[in-house]
N, C-alpha and C. Protein backbone atom coordinates (compact mmCIF):
# COMPACT_ATOMS: atom_id res chain seq x y z
N MET A 1 -26.84 -70.55 16.85
CA MET A 1 -26.09 -69.55 16.03
C MET A 1 -26.41 -68.21 16.62
N SER A 2 -25.26 -67.63 16.82
CA SER A 2 -25.37 -66.07 17.11
C SER A 2 -24.57 -65.24 16.30
N THR A 3 -25.31 -64.27 16.04
CA THR A 3 -24.45 -62.96 15.06
C THR A 3 -24.12 -62.29 15.98
N VAL A 4 -22.43 -62.11 15.59
CA VAL A 4 -21.65 -61.10 16.01
C VAL A 4 -21.92 -59.63 15.77
N MET A 5 -22.23 -58.83 16.15
CA MET A 5 -22.42 -57.33 15.89
C MET A 5 -21.37 -56.47 16.16
N PRO A 6 -20.95 -55.49 15.50
CA PRO A 6 -19.71 -54.84 16.15
C PRO A 6 -20.44 -53.72 17.20
N GLU A 7 -19.67 -53.54 18.15
CA GLU A 7 -20.20 -52.44 19.32
C GLU A 7 -20.81 -51.32 18.84
N ASN A 8 -20.27 -50.81 17.68
CA ASN A 8 -20.86 -49.61 17.40
C ASN A 8 -20.71 -49.64 15.85
N PRO A 9 -22.19 -49.56 15.15
CA PRO A 9 -22.25 -49.70 13.94
C PRO A 9 -21.60 -48.59 12.90
N LEU A 10 -21.46 -47.23 13.59
CA LEU A 10 -20.93 -46.18 13.21
C LEU A 10 -19.38 -46.36 12.77
N LEU A 11 -18.81 -47.17 13.45
CA LEU A 11 -17.31 -47.43 13.35
C LEU A 11 -17.01 -48.26 12.00
N ARG A 12 -18.05 -48.76 11.60
CA ARG A 12 -17.62 -49.37 10.25
C ARG A 12 -17.32 -48.73 9.03
N HIS A 13 -17.76 -47.41 8.97
CA HIS A 13 -17.65 -46.56 7.93
C HIS A 13 -16.73 -45.56 8.41
N ARG A 14 -15.67 -45.32 7.42
CA ARG A 14 -14.90 -43.96 7.60
C ARG A 14 -15.49 -42.85 7.17
N CYS A 15 -16.17 -42.07 8.02
CA CYS A 15 -16.77 -40.82 7.66
C CYS A 15 -16.37 -39.79 8.68
N HIS A 16 -16.90 -38.58 8.57
CA HIS A 16 -16.59 -37.54 9.47
C HIS A 16 -17.22 -37.84 10.84
N ARG A 17 -18.16 -38.72 11.01
CA ARG A 17 -18.70 -39.01 12.04
C ARG A 17 -17.56 -40.02 12.81
N SER A 18 -17.00 -40.84 12.18
CA SER A 18 -16.19 -41.92 12.76
C SER A 18 -14.95 -41.35 13.15
N ARG A 19 -14.64 -40.18 12.45
CA ARG A 19 -13.41 -39.46 13.23
C ARG A 19 -13.71 -38.76 14.19
N TRP A 20 -14.96 -38.22 14.51
CA TRP A 20 -15.38 -37.53 15.67
C TRP A 20 -15.47 -38.79 16.95
N LEU A 21 -15.92 -39.85 16.52
CA LEU A 21 -16.02 -40.74 17.53
C LEU A 21 -14.52 -41.44 18.12
N GLU A 22 -13.65 -41.35 17.14
CA GLU A 22 -12.26 -41.51 17.41
C GLU A 22 -11.35 -40.58 18.13
N GLY A 23 -12.01 -39.39 18.14
CA GLY A 23 -11.20 -38.34 18.78
C GLY A 23 -10.63 -37.49 17.96
N GLU A 24 -10.56 -37.47 16.43
CA GLU A 24 -9.72 -36.90 15.45
C GLU A 24 -10.52 -35.35 15.39
N ALA A 25 -11.83 -35.41 15.60
CA ALA A 25 -12.25 -34.04 15.51
C ALA A 25 -12.01 -32.86 16.23
N MET A 26 -11.35 -33.36 17.46
CA MET A 26 -11.27 -32.32 18.45
C MET A 26 -9.66 -31.77 18.43
N LYS A 27 -8.84 -32.09 17.31
CA LYS A 27 -7.71 -31.50 16.88
C LYS A 27 -7.83 -29.98 16.19
N PRO A 28 -6.87 -29.18 16.76
CA PRO A 28 -7.07 -27.92 16.25
C PRO A 28 -6.90 -27.77 14.68
N ALA A 29 -7.81 -27.09 13.99
CA ALA A 29 -7.67 -26.82 12.57
C ALA A 29 -6.38 -26.31 12.03
N GLU A 30 -5.80 -26.75 11.04
CA GLU A 30 -4.70 -26.34 10.48
C GLU A 30 -4.94 -25.18 9.47
N MET A 31 -4.36 -24.27 9.59
CA MET A 31 -4.58 -23.02 8.27
C MET A 31 -4.11 -23.45 7.28
N THR A 32 -4.68 -23.25 6.21
CA THR A 32 -4.11 -23.50 4.93
C THR A 32 -3.75 -22.30 4.50
N LEU A 33 -2.30 -22.13 4.35
CA LEU A 33 -1.54 -20.86 3.82
C LEU A 33 -1.85 -20.86 1.99
N PHE A 34 -2.30 -19.67 1.63
CA PHE A 34 -2.66 -19.53 0.32
C PHE A 34 -1.06 -18.66 -0.25
N LYS A 35 -0.74 -19.39 -1.55
CA LYS A 35 0.27 -18.95 -2.13
C LYS A 35 0.01 -17.62 -2.68
N PRO A 36 0.78 -16.30 -2.39
CA PRO A 36 0.42 -15.25 -2.71
C PRO A 36 0.32 -15.02 -4.44
N LYS A 37 -0.58 -14.30 -4.94
CA LYS A 37 -0.70 -14.25 -6.53
C LYS A 37 0.44 -13.47 -6.79
N ARG A 38 1.33 -13.92 -7.94
CA ARG A 38 2.34 -13.50 -8.36
C ARG A 38 1.76 -12.02 -9.06
N THR A 39 2.60 -10.87 -8.71
CA THR A 39 2.01 -9.53 -9.18
C THR A 39 3.35 -8.88 -10.23
N ARG A 40 3.08 -8.41 -10.97
CA ARG A 40 4.14 -7.57 -11.65
C ARG A 40 4.24 -6.28 -10.91
N ALA A 41 5.51 -5.87 -10.90
CA ALA A 41 5.66 -4.61 -10.37
C ALA A 41 5.21 -3.43 -11.43
N LYS A 42 4.57 -2.36 -10.81
CA LYS A 42 3.84 -1.57 -11.89
C LYS A 42 5.18 -1.00 -12.60
N SER A 43 4.87 -0.81 -13.90
CA SER A 43 6.06 -0.07 -14.59
C SER A 43 6.18 1.28 -14.33
N VAL A 44 7.46 1.95 -14.47
CA VAL A 44 7.42 3.09 -14.18
C VAL A 44 8.12 3.94 -15.37
N ASP A 45 7.47 4.89 -15.79
CA ASP A 45 7.86 5.73 -17.18
C ASP A 45 9.05 6.75 -16.48
N ARG A 46 10.14 6.11 -16.39
CA ARG A 46 11.38 7.10 -15.76
C ARG A 46 11.65 8.07 -16.80
N GLU A 47 11.78 7.68 -18.29
CA GLU A 47 11.86 8.49 -19.19
C GLU A 47 10.99 9.80 -19.23
N GLY A 48 9.74 9.53 -18.86
CA GLY A 48 8.78 10.45 -19.08
C GLY A 48 8.88 11.20 -17.73
N LEU A 49 9.08 10.86 -16.75
CA LEU A 49 9.10 11.74 -15.41
C LEU A 49 10.56 12.40 -15.34
N GLU A 50 11.56 12.20 -16.24
CA GLU A 50 12.79 12.86 -16.38
C GLU A 50 12.53 13.91 -17.13
N GLN A 51 11.74 13.90 -18.43
CA GLN A 51 11.73 14.91 -19.39
C GLN A 51 10.54 15.87 -18.54
N ALA A 52 9.52 15.55 -18.02
CA ALA A 52 8.95 16.39 -17.11
C ALA A 52 9.69 17.22 -16.25
N ALA A 53 10.82 16.67 -15.50
CA ALA A 53 11.49 17.32 -14.72
C ALA A 53 12.36 18.32 -15.57
N LEU A 54 12.83 18.07 -16.45
CA LEU A 54 13.60 18.84 -17.63
C LEU A 54 12.78 20.08 -18.01
N LEU A 55 11.62 19.75 -18.39
CA LEU A 55 10.70 21.08 -18.52
C LEU A 55 10.37 21.92 -17.75
N ARG A 56 10.30 21.29 -16.37
CA ARG A 56 9.98 22.16 -15.23
C ARG A 56 11.14 23.15 -14.93
N GLU A 57 12.38 22.51 -14.96
CA GLU A 57 13.75 23.24 -14.85
C GLU A 57 13.72 24.28 -15.98
N LEU A 58 13.64 23.98 -17.27
CA LEU A 58 13.62 24.80 -18.24
C LEU A 58 12.87 25.97 -17.96
N LYS A 59 11.50 25.77 -17.32
CA LYS A 59 10.46 26.86 -17.33
C LYS A 59 11.00 28.03 -16.16
N LEU A 60 11.69 27.24 -15.11
CA LEU A 60 12.33 28.17 -14.27
C LEU A 60 13.47 28.96 -14.40
N ARG A 61 14.35 28.37 -15.12
CA ARG A 61 15.65 28.89 -15.55
C ARG A 61 15.71 29.50 -16.88
N MET A 62 15.22 28.96 -17.76
CA MET A 62 15.03 29.59 -19.19
C MET A 62 13.77 29.80 -19.81
N PRO A 63 12.93 30.72 -19.37
CA PRO A 63 11.56 30.63 -19.83
C PRO A 63 11.41 31.11 -21.40
N LEU A 64 12.31 31.55 -22.26
CA LEU A 64 12.20 31.82 -23.44
C LEU A 64 12.39 30.28 -24.30
N VAL A 65 13.34 29.52 -23.61
CA VAL A 65 13.57 28.23 -24.11
C VAL A 65 12.09 27.45 -24.05
N ALA A 66 11.90 27.45 -22.49
CA ALA A 66 10.40 26.82 -22.00
C ALA A 66 9.49 26.93 -23.18
N ALA A 67 9.40 28.26 -23.47
CA ALA A 67 8.15 28.56 -24.27
C ALA A 67 8.13 27.95 -25.78
N LEU A 68 9.42 27.93 -26.22
CA LEU A 68 9.66 27.34 -27.45
C LEU A 68 9.72 25.88 -27.77
N ILE A 69 10.43 25.10 -26.80
CA ILE A 69 10.60 23.83 -26.83
C ILE A 69 9.25 23.08 -26.80
N TYR A 70 9.28 21.95 -27.51
CA TYR A 70 8.08 21.05 -27.36
C TYR A 70 8.27 19.56 -27.47
N HIS A 71 7.39 18.79 -27.34
CA HIS A 71 7.49 17.28 -27.14
C HIS A 71 6.76 16.82 -28.48
N VAL A 72 7.33 15.81 -29.10
CA VAL A 72 6.60 15.15 -30.34
C VAL A 72 5.95 13.93 -29.47
N PRO A 73 4.74 13.76 -29.35
CA PRO A 73 4.25 12.62 -28.68
C PRO A 73 4.20 11.36 -29.51
N ASN A 74 5.19 10.61 -29.80
CA ASN A 74 5.13 9.43 -30.96
C ASN A 74 5.13 8.14 -29.84
N GLY A 75 5.80 8.24 -28.84
CA GLY A 75 6.03 6.98 -28.20
C GLY A 75 4.92 6.43 -27.13
N GLY A 76 5.04 5.31 -26.58
CA GLY A 76 3.87 4.87 -25.60
C GLY A 76 3.14 3.91 -26.35
N HIS A 77 2.49 3.23 -25.58
CA HIS A 77 1.66 1.88 -25.83
C HIS A 77 0.01 2.51 -25.84
N ARG A 78 -0.51 2.30 -27.39
CA ARG A 78 -1.72 2.75 -27.64
C ARG A 78 -2.46 1.58 -27.88
N HIS A 79 -3.76 1.87 -27.97
CA HIS A 79 -4.89 0.76 -28.35
C HIS A 79 -4.43 0.85 -30.09
N LYS A 80 -4.95 -0.35 -30.42
CA LYS A 80 -4.32 -0.63 -31.90
C LYS A 80 -5.25 0.38 -32.90
N LEU A 81 -6.56 0.70 -32.60
CA LEU A 81 -7.23 1.43 -33.91
C LEU A 81 -6.71 3.22 -33.27
N VAL A 82 -6.35 3.46 -32.19
CA VAL A 82 -5.65 4.89 -32.06
C VAL A 82 -4.42 4.96 -32.69
N ALA A 83 -3.59 3.67 -32.53
CA ALA A 83 -2.10 3.95 -33.31
C ALA A 83 -2.50 4.03 -34.88
N ILE A 84 -3.61 3.16 -35.31
CA ILE A 84 -3.70 3.20 -36.86
C ILE A 84 -4.08 4.61 -37.18
N LYS A 85 -4.92 5.24 -36.39
CA LYS A 85 -5.37 6.56 -36.51
C LYS A 85 -4.33 7.51 -36.55
N LEU A 86 -3.67 7.42 -35.65
CA LEU A 86 -2.41 8.35 -35.41
C LEU A 86 -1.24 8.04 -36.67
N LYS A 87 -1.09 7.04 -36.99
CA LYS A 87 -0.44 6.75 -38.32
C LYS A 87 -0.81 7.46 -39.35
N GLU A 88 -1.97 7.26 -39.65
CA GLU A 88 -2.77 7.82 -40.86
C GLU A 88 -2.48 9.53 -40.73
N GLN A 89 -2.54 9.93 -39.55
CA GLN A 89 -2.34 11.30 -39.29
C GLN A 89 -0.76 11.78 -39.28
N GLY A 90 0.10 10.95 -39.59
CA GLY A 90 1.60 11.22 -39.88
C GLY A 90 2.47 10.98 -38.74
N VAL A 91 1.98 10.21 -37.71
CA VAL A 91 2.93 9.72 -36.65
C VAL A 91 4.01 8.81 -37.15
N ARG A 92 5.31 9.12 -37.00
CA ARG A 92 6.26 8.50 -37.59
C ARG A 92 7.27 7.77 -36.57
N ALA A 93 7.66 6.60 -36.79
CA ALA A 93 8.51 5.86 -35.65
C ALA A 93 9.77 6.43 -35.50
N GLY A 94 10.47 6.70 -34.54
CA GLY A 94 11.89 7.34 -34.29
C GLY A 94 12.00 8.65 -34.33
N VAL A 95 10.86 9.43 -34.46
CA VAL A 95 11.22 10.92 -34.47
C VAL A 95 11.58 11.43 -33.01
N PRO A 96 12.51 12.17 -32.84
CA PRO A 96 13.05 12.50 -31.56
C PRO A 96 11.85 13.26 -30.60
N ASP A 97 12.19 13.23 -29.22
CA ASP A 97 11.18 13.49 -28.25
C ASP A 97 11.06 14.91 -28.45
N LEU A 98 12.16 15.86 -28.31
CA LEU A 98 12.09 17.28 -27.78
C LEU A 98 12.64 17.94 -29.14
N VAL A 99 11.81 19.02 -29.44
CA VAL A 99 12.23 20.09 -30.42
C VAL A 99 12.54 21.40 -30.11
N LEU A 100 13.47 22.02 -30.38
CA LEU A 100 14.02 23.41 -29.82
C LEU A 100 14.11 24.15 -31.09
N PRO A 101 13.05 25.07 -31.68
CA PRO A 101 13.01 25.74 -32.97
C PRO A 101 13.91 26.83 -32.70
N MET A 102 15.25 26.89 -32.32
CA MET A 102 16.03 28.24 -32.18
C MET A 102 17.04 28.04 -32.93
N ALA A 103 17.37 28.57 -33.70
CA ALA A 103 18.76 28.63 -34.63
C ALA A 103 19.91 29.04 -34.12
N ARG A 104 20.81 28.13 -33.82
CA ARG A 104 22.08 28.57 -33.48
C ARG A 104 23.27 27.74 -34.16
N GLY A 105 24.42 28.36 -34.14
CA GLY A 105 25.72 27.68 -34.49
C GLY A 105 25.41 26.97 -36.03
N GLY A 106 24.92 27.72 -36.92
CA GLY A 106 24.52 27.03 -38.30
C GLY A 106 23.46 26.35 -38.46
N TYR A 107 23.02 25.83 -37.33
CA TYR A 107 21.87 24.89 -37.13
C TYR A 107 20.51 25.49 -37.26
N PHE A 108 19.57 24.85 -38.06
CA PHE A 108 17.95 25.56 -37.89
C PHE A 108 17.51 25.06 -36.54
N GLY A 109 17.91 24.37 -35.58
CA GLY A 109 17.07 23.96 -34.70
C GLY A 109 17.83 22.75 -33.76
N LEU A 110 17.25 22.26 -32.67
CA LEU A 110 17.93 21.28 -31.92
C LEU A 110 16.79 20.16 -31.89
N TYR A 111 17.21 19.08 -32.18
CA TYR A 111 16.43 18.03 -32.00
C TYR A 111 16.82 17.07 -30.79
N ILE A 112 16.07 16.61 -29.76
CA ILE A 112 16.72 15.77 -28.74
C ILE A 112 15.93 14.48 -28.52
N GLU A 113 16.65 13.32 -28.79
CA GLU A 113 16.16 11.96 -28.51
C GLU A 113 16.27 11.90 -26.90
N PHE A 114 15.36 11.82 -26.11
CA PHE A 114 15.47 11.86 -24.84
C PHE A 114 15.46 10.41 -24.18
N LYS A 115 16.44 10.01 -23.44
CA LYS A 115 16.46 8.68 -22.84
C LYS A 115 16.66 8.95 -21.15
N ALA A 116 16.12 8.06 -20.46
CA ALA A 116 16.27 8.10 -19.14
C ALA A 116 17.67 7.82 -18.63
N THR A 117 17.92 8.39 -17.55
CA THR A 117 19.28 8.25 -16.93
C THR A 117 19.61 6.74 -16.79
N PRO A 118 20.97 6.40 -17.15
CA PRO A 118 21.42 5.00 -17.00
C PRO A 118 21.17 4.54 -15.40
N PRO A 119 20.99 3.42 -15.07
CA PRO A 119 20.71 2.21 -15.74
C PRO A 119 19.55 2.01 -16.35
N HIS A 120 18.67 2.95 -16.19
CA HIS A 120 17.08 2.83 -16.68
C HIS A 120 16.95 3.02 -18.19
N ASP A 121 18.12 3.56 -18.93
CA ASP A 121 17.98 3.94 -20.10
C ASP A 121 17.62 2.93 -21.20
N ALA A 122 16.98 3.22 -22.30
CA ALA A 122 16.81 2.33 -23.32
C ALA A 122 17.65 2.50 -24.20
N ALA A 123 17.95 1.53 -25.27
CA ALA A 123 18.84 1.66 -26.33
C ALA A 123 18.11 2.47 -27.35
N VAL A 124 18.97 3.26 -28.30
CA VAL A 124 18.30 3.88 -29.27
C VAL A 124 18.08 2.86 -30.48
N SER A 125 17.00 3.06 -31.05
CA SER A 125 16.53 2.10 -32.18
C SER A 125 17.01 2.64 -33.31
N GLY A 126 16.87 1.60 -34.30
CA GLY A 126 17.40 1.94 -35.63
C GLY A 126 16.74 2.98 -36.27
N SER A 127 15.60 2.99 -35.99
CA SER A 127 14.57 4.14 -36.67
C SER A 127 15.16 5.68 -36.07
N GLN A 128 15.47 5.66 -34.73
CA GLN A 128 15.59 6.78 -34.12
C GLN A 128 16.99 7.22 -34.63
N TYR A 129 18.05 6.56 -34.86
CA TYR A 129 19.26 6.61 -35.49
C TYR A 129 19.10 7.33 -36.72
N GLU A 130 18.20 6.65 -37.59
CA GLU A 130 17.81 6.96 -39.02
C GLU A 130 17.45 8.59 -38.95
N TRP A 131 16.53 8.85 -37.98
CA TRP A 131 15.85 10.18 -37.86
C TRP A 131 17.15 11.22 -37.54
N ILE A 132 17.84 10.69 -36.80
CA ILE A 132 18.90 11.57 -36.36
C ILE A 132 19.67 12.01 -37.31
N ARG A 133 20.09 11.07 -38.14
CA ARG A 133 21.18 11.08 -39.31
C ARG A 133 20.40 12.06 -40.48
N GLN A 134 19.25 11.71 -40.65
CA GLN A 134 18.42 12.65 -41.61
C GLN A 134 18.19 13.98 -41.24
N LEU A 135 18.05 14.23 -40.03
CA LEU A 135 17.90 15.72 -39.61
C LEU A 135 19.24 16.22 -39.69
N GLY A 136 20.23 15.75 -39.33
CA GLY A 136 21.50 16.25 -39.66
C GLY A 136 21.90 16.54 -41.11
N GLU A 137 21.40 16.02 -41.88
CA GLU A 137 21.62 16.29 -43.33
C GLU A 137 20.74 17.45 -43.63
N GLN A 138 19.66 17.77 -42.97
CA GLN A 138 19.02 18.73 -43.11
C GLN A 138 19.08 20.29 -42.66
N GLY A 139 20.18 20.06 -41.87
CA GLY A 139 20.71 21.28 -41.20
C GLY A 139 20.42 21.59 -39.94
N TYR A 140 19.95 20.52 -39.10
CA TYR A 140 19.29 20.43 -37.62
C TYR A 140 20.52 19.69 -36.84
N LEU A 141 20.61 20.44 -35.65
CA LEU A 141 21.52 19.42 -34.68
C LEU A 141 20.70 18.52 -33.96
N ALA A 142 20.85 16.96 -34.16
CA ALA A 142 20.09 15.95 -33.58
C ALA A 142 20.98 15.18 -32.57
N ILE A 143 20.58 15.10 -31.43
CA ILE A 143 21.12 14.33 -30.47
C ILE A 143 20.39 13.51 -29.53
N VAL A 144 21.23 12.87 -28.62
CA VAL A 144 20.62 11.75 -27.77
C VAL A 144 20.96 12.25 -26.40
N CYS A 145 20.30 12.52 -25.45
CA CYS A 145 20.57 13.04 -24.05
C CYS A 145 20.05 11.82 -23.15
N ARG A 146 20.76 11.38 -22.01
CA ARG A 146 20.34 10.43 -21.17
C ARG A 146 20.20 11.17 -19.91
N GLY A 147 18.89 11.25 -19.57
CA GLY A 147 18.59 12.02 -18.42
C GLY A 147 18.45 13.38 -18.37
N HIS A 148 17.84 14.28 -17.47
CA HIS A 148 17.49 15.59 -17.62
C HIS A 148 18.51 16.42 -17.34
N PHE A 149 19.68 16.16 -16.46
CA PHE A 149 20.94 16.80 -16.49
C PHE A 149 21.95 17.12 -17.77
N ASP A 150 21.90 15.77 -18.39
CA ASP A 150 22.55 15.60 -19.51
C ASP A 150 21.74 16.61 -20.63
N ALA A 151 20.55 16.56 -20.51
CA ALA A 151 19.82 17.29 -21.64
C ALA A 151 20.02 18.92 -21.26
N MET A 152 20.06 19.35 -19.91
CA MET A 152 20.15 20.58 -19.49
C MET A 152 21.63 21.19 -19.97
N GLU A 153 22.64 20.23 -19.73
CA GLU A 153 23.94 20.79 -20.29
C GLU A 153 23.96 20.91 -21.77
N GLN A 154 23.30 20.06 -22.44
CA GLN A 154 23.26 20.24 -24.07
C GLN A 154 22.54 21.31 -24.51
N ILE A 155 21.50 21.79 -23.99
CA ILE A 155 20.81 22.79 -24.17
C ILE A 155 21.52 24.06 -23.98
N ARG A 156 22.09 24.10 -22.89
CA ARG A 156 23.04 24.99 -22.53
C ARG A 156 24.14 25.46 -23.54
N ALA A 157 24.84 24.33 -23.92
CA ALA A 157 25.92 24.51 -24.82
C ALA A 157 25.34 24.85 -26.11
N TYR A 158 24.09 24.27 -26.68
CA TYR A 158 23.62 24.75 -27.97
C TYR A 158 23.29 26.31 -27.96
N LEU A 159 22.83 26.79 -26.74
CA LEU A 159 22.59 28.06 -26.70
C LEU A 159 23.66 29.29 -26.70
N ARG A 160 24.75 28.57 -26.19
CA ARG A 160 26.17 29.22 -26.29
C ARG A 160 26.54 29.68 -27.55
N LEU A 161 26.13 28.93 -28.88
CA LEU A 161 26.43 28.87 -30.09
C LEU A 161 26.01 30.22 -30.54
N PRO A 162 26.81 30.88 -31.48
CA PRO A 162 26.17 32.34 -32.15
C PRO A 162 24.83 31.85 -32.67
N GLN A 163 24.09 32.87 -32.75
CA GLN A 163 22.62 32.86 -33.45
C GLN A 163 22.66 32.76 -34.74
N THR A 164 22.14 31.68 -35.45
CA THR A 164 22.25 31.53 -36.99
C THR A 164 21.15 32.57 -37.55
N THR A 165 21.77 33.43 -38.57
CA THR A 165 20.80 34.33 -39.15
C THR A 165 20.35 33.82 -40.62
N VAL A 166 18.86 33.68 -40.45
CA VAL A 166 18.36 33.05 -41.45
C VAL A 166 17.63 33.86 -42.51
N ALA A 167 18.22 34.04 -43.75
CA ALA A 167 17.85 34.95 -44.83
C ALA A 167 16.16 34.87 -45.17
N ALA A 168 15.59 35.88 -44.97
CA ALA A 168 14.05 35.59 -45.45
C ALA A 168 13.79 36.11 -47.02
C-alpha cells in the first residue's frame, strides 16, 4: 500500500502563497478608483454682494445718501440661541433691508426690500409684503428692488421728488 502525496502540499490550499506559486502574484496591481465625495457647491450670497455694490456706488455718486442709508440686519442664518436673543431685542421677520430716512414726495422716507438680480433673486415672502403694506399706510414709500442697478434707479427717482416739509 502506497500513499499518494500531492507534488506540492502548498497547492492544496487556496491562499496567497498558492496564487504566487501559480503565477498570479506577478500580475500588475489594479488601481482601485475611489468615488469622489459628493460636495455641495459653496452658497454665494448674491443679494449681499449686490447690496454691498449698491452702497459702494452710493458712496461714490451720492455721498449724502450714503451717509444716511442703512441696512437692517434681519436676514441670514444664525445659531438658535443668537436668533432667540435677537428676537427678544426686537428683530422682526420681513422688515425691508435698506432704509433711507430722507423725506421726499409726501413720504417720510424710503424702505427698500433688496433682492438679487434675476435669475438669482428670491421670492418676496408674505411677511415682507405685509411690512411693505404697513409702511405704506404709515406714510413711507416701501418698494422691492431686484439688483443694485434697479435700486440705484429707484433711489434716483425718489430723490427727484420734491422734498417733503415736515412741521415740527
